[in-house]
Amino acid sequence: MLVTQSEAAKIYAKACKAWYGPRARKVVLNRVQEMRTRGDHSGVKAWEQVAQELEFDKSARDRAI
């Protein structure tokens, strides 16, 4: 089974939400900053996709209410 980077970001966002609850986005953004400090550009890109998925999920929940 081949998983795209976009699908992986969605899966990891869901896992982060389960692990960290409401702090998930902050934890992910901290990880983005760590990757940026290390100069890991591909890591920054991957973690930013996870952060976007968390933001998209939050926006969808806000619209549903």
Protein backbone atom coordinates (compact mmCIF):
# COMPACT_ATOMS: atom_id res chain seq x y z
CA MET A 1 0.00 0.00 0.00
CA LEU A 2 1.42 3.33 -1.06
CA VAL A 3 0.68 6.32 1.18
CA THR A 4 1.15 9.80 -0.27
CA GLN A 5 2.75 12.59 1.74
CA SER A 6 -0.63 14.32 1.95
CA GLU A 7 -2.29 11.18 3.32
CA ALA A 8 0.55 10.70 5.79
CA ALA A 9 0.08 14.28 7.04
CA LYS A 10 -3.63 13.60 7.61
CA ILE A 11 -2.87 10.37 9.47
CA TYR A 12 -0.21 12.00 11.63
CA ALA A 13 -2.45 15.00 12.37
CA LYS A 14 -5.13 12.63 13.61
CA ALA A 15 -2.58 10.80 15.78
CA CYS A 16 -1.23 14.08 17.21
CA LYS A 17 -4.76 15.17 18.04
CA ALA A 18 -5.30 11.89 19.89
CA TRP A 19 -1.96 12.13 21.73
CA TYR A 20 -1.92 15.83 22.61
CA GLY A 21 -5.57 16.87 22.49
CA PRO A 22 -6.09 20.63 22.23
CA ARG A 23 -2.31 21.21 22.47
CA ALA A 24 -1.66 19.29 19.22
CA ARG A 25 -1.25 22.32 16.95
CA LYS A 26 1.14 24.01 19.37
CA VAL A 27 3.21 20.83 19.72
CA VAL A 28 3.39 20.47 15.93
CA LEU A 29 4.36 24.13 15.45
CA ASN A 30 7.13 23.68 18.02
CA ARG A 31 8.38 20.71 15.99
CA VAL A 32 8.35 22.88 12.85
CA GLN A 33 10.54 25.40 14.67
CA GLU A 34 12.93 22.62 15.77
CA MET A 35 13.26 21.43 12.17
CA ARG A 36 13.82 24.99 10.97
CA THR A 37 16.58 25.47 13.57
CA ARG A 38 18.29 22.27 12.41
CA GLY A 39 18.06 23.35 8.78
CA ASP A 40 15.89 20.35 7.89
CA HIS A 41 13.84 21.84 5.04
CA SER A 42 12.04 18.62 4.13
CA GLY A 43 11.14 18.14 7.81
CA VAL A 44 9.74 21.67 7.97
CA LYS A 45 7.62 20.99 4.90
CA ALA A 46 6.27 17.71 6.29
CA TRP A 47 5.43 19.13 9.73
CA GLU A 48 3.83 22.23 8.18
CA GLN A 49 1.51 19.90 6.27
CA VAL A 50 0.54 18.26 9.57
CA ALA A 51 -0.12 21.72 11.07
CA GLN A 52 -2.28 22.60 8.05
CA GLU A 53 -4.30 19.43 8.51
CA LEU A 54 -4.87 20.29 12.16
CA GLU A 55 -5.97 23.80 11.20
CA PHE A 56 -8.25 22.45 8.46
CA ASP A 57 -9.80 20.01 10.94
CA LYS A 58 -10.36 22.83 13.46
CA SER A 59 -11.97 25.02 10.80
CA ALA A 60 -14.26 22.19 9.72
CA ARG A 61 -15.34 21.61 13.32
CA ASP A 62 -15.99 25.33 13.82
CA ARG A 63 -18.20 25.44 10.71
CA ALA A 64 -20.16 22.38 11.85
CA ILE A 65 -21.17 24.03 15.12
